[in-house]
Amino acid sequence: MLRANSGAGVPELLSVQTTPATPTPGYDAYAFDPAVVESLYYQFTIRKYGSGNLNLAIRWSTAATSGNAVWAAQIAAITPGDAGAVSAKTYATANTVTDAADANANRLNAATITISNLDSLATDDLVFLRFYRDAASGSDTINSNDCLVYHLDLAYSDV
């Protein structure tokens, strides 16, 4: 389940629709600001998790033709029967990836965050995932353009 509240700290959802006059694919994308850390939140039950890291693939673009975007993800995992309250759970330390903008404006970029801070993840855990652009990082140098995120895909081993 995606949980994206409106207001500060949440990227704007853009919805581009196709028309008969311009038959291009319509799409939705989240516009992550270059000056503010904005986050998306997901929650799900992880099924058939075996072991090892999670990999979060990101498909994104920007009008910028140079510079880097820093993407980050962190999880919190809760096993049924854990002693702590759900409301008291905190996220594990974030993992990041720095990805360069394409030299051509608005081209699709692909990056993957390897999530290795797993918070004792086990199969059938309730998982909370926070994904964000770390605009506060000195390595995020796309300073005057939003970065549009079209798709996130989470993969893991079931062995």
Protein backbone atom coordinates (compact mmCIF):
# COMPACT_ATOMS: atom_id res chain seq x y z
CA MET A 1 0.00 0.00 0.00
CA LEU A 2 1.36 3.41 -0.97
CA ARG A 3 0.88 6.11 1.60
CA ALA A 4 1.63 9.59 0.25
CA ASN A 5 0.11 12.35 2.33
CA SER A 6 -0.32 15.77 0.78
CA GLY A 7 1.66 18.75 1.98
CA ALA A 8 5.27 19.51 2.86
CA GLY A 9 7.72 16.66 2.52
CA VAL A 10 5.70 14.80 -0.13
CA PRO A 11 6.51 14.96 -3.85
CA GLU A 12 3.84 16.31 -6.16
CA LEU A 13 2.02 13.67 -8.20
CA LEU A 14 1.98 14.61 -11.88
CA SER A 15 -0.53 12.94 -14.16
CA VAL A 16 0.11 13.44 -17.88
CA GLN A 17 -2.76 12.28 -20.06
CA THR A 18 -2.65 11.47 -23.73
CA THR A 19 -5.02 13.09 -26.22
CA PRO A 20 -6.11 12.05 -29.72
CA ALA A 21 -4.10 14.96 -31.12
CA THR A 22 -0.94 13.80 -29.30
CA PRO A 23 -1.10 10.01 -29.00
CA THR A 24 1.75 9.50 -26.56
CA PRO A 25 1.69 7.31 -23.47
CA GLY A 26 0.00 8.93 -20.53
CA TYR A 27 1.84 8.52 -17.25
CA ASP A 28 1.97 9.35 -13.58
CA ALA A 29 5.18 10.49 -11.92
CA TYR A 30 6.21 11.89 -8.57
CA ALA A 31 8.17 15.17 -8.85
CA PHE A 32 10.92 15.23 -6.21
CA ASP A 33 12.05 18.77 -5.40
CA PRO A 34 15.75 19.74 -5.54
CA ALA A 35 15.66 21.78 -2.33
CA VAL A 36 13.45 19.76 0.04
CA VAL A 37 13.68 16.15 1.20
CA GLU A 38 10.41 14.56 0.01
CA SER A 39 9.36 10.99 0.78
CA LEU A 40 7.00 8.24 -0.32
CA TYR A 41 5.93 5.57 2.15
CA TYR A 42 4.84 2.00 1.41
CA GLN A 43 3.72 -0.82 3.67
CA PHE A 44 3.41 -4.46 2.73
CA THR A 45 3.83 -8.00 4.02
CA ILE A 46 6.97 -9.59 2.61
CA ARG A 47 6.14 -13.04 1.24
CA LYS A 48 8.57 -15.89 0.56
CA TYR A 49 11.63 -13.88 1.64
CA GLY A 50 14.65 -16.18 1.75
CA SER A 51 17.72 -14.16 2.71
CA GLY A 52 20.00 -11.38 1.56
CA ASN A 53 19.55 -7.80 0.53
CA LEU A 54 16.54 -6.12 -1.05
CA ASN A 55 17.01 -4.29 -4.36
CA LEU A 56 14.88 -1.27 -5.13
CA ALA A 57 14.97 -0.36 -8.84
CA ILE A 58 14.12 3.26 -9.68
CA ARG A 59 13.04 4.63 -13.05
CA TRP A 60 13.40 8.40 -13.17
CA SER A 61 14.16 11.43 -15.36
CA THR A 62 14.99 15.10 -15.10
CA ALA A 63 15.16 18.12 -17.38
CA ALA A 64 18.72 18.66 -16.12
CA THR A 65 21.52 17.48 -18.42
CA SER A 66 24.18 17.16 -15.72
CA GLY A 67 24.47 16.56 -12.01
CA ASN A 68 23.58 13.72 -9.67
CA ALA A 69 20.47 12.68 -7.78
CA VAL A 70 20.83 10.88 -4.47
CA TRP A 71 18.06 8.35 -3.85
CA ALA A 72 17.56 6.70 -0.46
CA ALA A 73 15.48 3.93 1.04
CA GLN A 74 15.04 2.57 4.52
CA ILE A 75 12.83 -0.08 6.03
CA ALA A 76 11.29 -1.05 9.34
CA ALA A 77 10.27 -4.70 9.73
CA ILE A 78 7.86 -6.06 12.33
CA THR A 79 7.38 -9.75 12.97
CA PRO A 80 3.96 -10.78 14.29
CA GLY A 81 4.28 -11.24 18.03
CA ASP A 82 7.19 -8.78 18.43
CA ALA A 83 7.25 -7.26 21.89
CA GLY A 84 7.38 -3.63 20.74
CA ALA A 85 4.42 -1.51 19.69
CA VAL A 86 3.94 -0.79 15.99
CA SER A 87 3.70 2.92 16.82
CA ALA A 88 7.14 2.84 18.49
CA LYS A 89 8.97 1.22 15.55
CA THR A 90 11.77 3.21 13.88
CA TYR A 91 13.40 2.86 10.47
CA ALA A 92 16.78 1.21 9.97
CA THR A 93 19.61 3.37 8.65
CA ALA A 94 19.02 4.46 5.06
CA ASN A 95 20.85 3.00 2.10
CA THR A 96 21.53 5.27 -0.89
CA VAL A 97 22.54 5.34 -4.52
CA THR A 98 23.92 8.33 -6.43
CA ASP A 99 22.90 8.38 -10.09
CA ALA A 100 23.96 10.83 -12.81
CA ALA A 101 21.43 12.63 -14.98
CA ASP A 102 21.47 11.66 -18.63
CA ALA A 103 23.27 14.15 -20.90
CA ASN A 104 19.98 14.52 -22.81
CA ALA A 105 17.09 16.17 -21.00
CA ASN A 106 14.13 14.05 -19.90
CA ARG A 107 15.70 10.69 -20.80
CA LEU A 108 14.81 7.72 -18.65
CA ASN A 109 17.41 6.84 -16.02
CA ALA A 110 17.69 3.57 -14.10
CA ALA A 111 19.25 3.19 -10.67
CA THR A 112 19.10 0.52 -7.97
CA ILE A 113 19.40 0.92 -4.22
CA THR A 114 20.76 -2.15 -2.47
CA ILE A 115 18.95 -2.20 0.87
CA SER A 116 21.33 -3.97 3.25
CA ASN A 117 20.12 -2.50 6.55
CA LEU A 118 17.32 -5.04 6.92
CA ASP A 119 16.06 -4.55 10.48
CA SER A 120 16.01 -8.33 11.16
CA LEU A 121 13.74 -8.92 8.16
CA ALA A 122 11.97 -12.30 7.98
CA THR A 123 9.30 -13.79 5.75
CA ASP A 124 5.75 -12.64 6.56
CA ASP A 125 6.99 -9.51 8.36
CA LEU A 126 5.02 -6.30 8.01
CA VAL A 127 7.45 -3.97 6.24
CA PHE A 128 7.40 -0.19 6.12
CA LEU A 129 9.48 1.29 3.30
CA ARG A 130 10.48 4.95 3.05
CA PHE A 131 11.82 6.11 -0.33
CA TYR A 132 13.15 9.64 -0.84
CA ARG A 133 15.42 11.93 -2.78
CA ASP A 134 18.12 13.11 -0.39
CA ALA A 135 18.16 16.70 -1.60
CA ALA A 136 20.08 17.67 1.55
CA SER A 137 23.06 15.53 0.51
CA GLY A 138 26.05 17.41 -0.86
CA SER A 139 26.26 14.72 -3.55
CA ASP A 140 22.80 15.63 -4.91
CA THR A 141 23.82 18.26 -7.45
CA ILE A 142 20.72 18.58 -9.66
CA ASN A 143 20.00 21.88 -7.96
CA SER A 144 17.41 23.57 -10.13
CA ASN A 145 15.27 20.75 -11.47
CA ASP A 146 12.77 18.29 -10.11
CA CYS A 147 13.48 14.61 -10.62
CA LEU A 148 10.47 12.63 -11.80
CA VAL A 149 10.05 9.09 -10.49
CA TYR A 150 7.88 6.87 -12.68
CA HIS A 151 8.34 3.46 -11.15
CA LEU A 152 9.82 1.60 -8.19
CA ASP A 153 10.33 -2.15 -8.21
CA LEU A 154 11.38 -4.15 -5.14
CA ALA A 155 13.14 -7.49 -5.67
CA TYR A 156 14.59 -10.04 -3.26
CA SER A 157 15.63 -13.67 -3.05
CA ASP A 158 13.13 -16.32 -2.03
CA VAL A 159 15.91 -18.85 -1.36
